[in-house]
Amino acid sequence: MPAKKPAFVMPENFTLDLKLDSLTIDEIDAIEEITGAPLDTLNKPGSRRAPMLRAMAYVVMKRKHPEITPEDVGALKLNLKGGKTKADPTETNA
């Protein structure tokens, strides 16, 4: 019988910084695959934000936690940062 994959446990009070300019092409492709829509259409007025945010959080968290699933990221608190501000060299990326 195959071993059961351990479930991801979200650290308490964890906040994820999403920096739009730090996504790889593969991560953008995964976001579009998960949401079923092109990335540039996901941030238009009137469109739902949760599917895009869930997909983005998933691909960023997957960098360090390969066992994570899109469902696991639903409880994350997000700190949204656009790519237009200067990066703080003391900050760490997810």
Protein backbone atom coordinates (compact mmCIF):
# COMPACT_ATOMS: atom_id res chain seq x y z
CA MET A 1 0.00 0.00 0.00
CA PRO A 2 1.52 3.40 -0.96
CA ALA A 3 2.40 5.79 1.84
CA LYS A 4 -0.10 8.59 2.34
CA LYS A 5 1.21 12.02 1.40
CA PRO A 6 1.46 14.25 4.49
CA ALA A 7 -0.98 17.14 4.52
CA PHE A 8 0.38 20.67 4.54
CA VAL A 9 -0.02 22.44 7.88
CA MET A 10 -0.35 26.21 7.60
CA PRO A 11 1.83 28.01 10.16
CA GLU A 12 -0.20 30.14 12.57
CA ASN A 13 -0.36 33.88 11.70
CA PHE A 14 1.48 33.25 8.42
CA THR A 15 1.31 36.06 5.84
CA LEU A 16 2.43 35.57 2.25
CA ASP A 17 3.92 38.45 0.28
CA LEU A 18 2.83 38.28 -3.34
CA LYS A 19 5.11 40.21 -5.65
CA LEU A 20 3.78 40.15 -9.16
CA ASP A 21 7.18 40.80 -10.70
CA SER A 22 8.71 37.69 -9.10
CA LEU A 23 6.64 35.06 -10.94
CA THR A 24 8.31 32.69 -13.39
CA ILE A 25 6.81 31.86 -16.78
CA ASP A 26 5.89 28.39 -15.48
CA GLU A 27 4.14 29.95 -12.47
CA ILE A 28 2.17 32.32 -14.70
CA ASP A 29 1.22 29.34 -16.85
CA ALA A 30 0.06 27.45 -13.72
CA ILE A 31 -2.02 30.45 -12.59
CA GLU A 32 -3.72 30.62 -15.99
CA GLU A 33 -4.27 26.86 -15.95
CA ILE A 34 -5.81 26.91 -12.45
CA THR A 35 -8.05 29.93 -13.13
CA GLY A 36 -8.88 29.03 -16.72
CA ALA A 37 -8.24 32.61 -17.83
CA PRO A 38 -5.34 34.73 -19.14
CA LEU A 39 -3.43 36.56 -16.41
CA ASP A 40 -4.16 40.01 -17.84
CA THR A 41 -7.92 39.44 -17.63
CA LEU A 42 -7.88 38.36 -13.98
CA ASN A 43 -7.39 41.84 -12.53
CA LYS A 44 -10.03 43.72 -14.53
CA PRO A 45 -12.77 45.63 -12.72
CA GLY A 46 -15.73 43.40 -12.00
CA SER A 47 -13.77 40.14 -12.14
CA ARG A 48 -13.49 37.87 -9.12
CA ARG A 49 -10.15 38.19 -7.32
CA ALA A 50 -10.20 35.03 -5.18
CA PRO A 51 -9.42 32.52 -7.98
CA MET A 52 -6.43 34.59 -9.11
CA LEU A 53 -5.17 35.12 -5.55
CA ARG A 54 -5.57 31.44 -4.68
CA ALA A 55 -3.64 30.42 -7.79
CA MET A 56 -0.88 32.97 -7.16
CA ALA A 57 -0.53 31.97 -3.51
CA TYR A 58 -0.41 28.32 -4.53
CA VAL A 59 2.39 28.72 -7.07
CA VAL A 60 4.48 30.91 -4.74
CA MET A 61 4.02 28.59 -1.73
CA LYS A 62 4.82 25.55 -3.89
CA ARG A 63 8.39 26.88 -4.22
CA LYS A 64 9.15 25.90 -0.63
CA HIS A 65 6.32 23.45 0.10
CA PRO A 66 5.92 21.03 -2.85
CA GLU A 67 3.22 19.11 -0.98
CA ILE A 68 0.84 22.09 -0.84
CA THR A 69 -2.43 22.03 -2.77
CA PRO A 70 -4.56 24.93 -4.07
CA GLU A 71 -7.10 24.11 -1.34
CA ASP A 72 -4.44 24.48 1.38
CA VAL A 73 -3.82 28.16 0.63
CA GLY A 74 -7.38 29.28 1.35
CA ALA A 75 -6.55 30.27 4.93
CA LEU A 76 -3.53 32.41 4.01
CA LYS A 77 -3.38 36.09 4.85
CA LEU A 78 -1.98 37.99 1.88
CA ASN A 79 0.21 41.05 1.70
CA LEU A 80 -0.24 42.24 -1.89
CA LYS A 81 2.62 44.15 -3.42
CA GLY A 82 2.66 45.39 -6.99
CA GLY A 83 5.74 45.46 -9.17
CA LYS A 84 5.84 49.27 -9.42
CA THR A 85 7.54 50.04 -6.10
CA LYS A 86 11.23 49.67 -5.44
CA ALA A 87 12.10 46.36 -3.82
CA ASP A 88 13.31 46.38 -0.24
CA PRO A 89 16.69 44.54 -0.27
CA THR A 90 16.12 43.36 3.31
CA GLU A 91 12.88 41.53 2.48
CA THR A 92 12.77 37.79 1.80
CA ASN A 93 10.67 36.25 -0.96
CA ALA A 94 8.36 33.30 -0.41
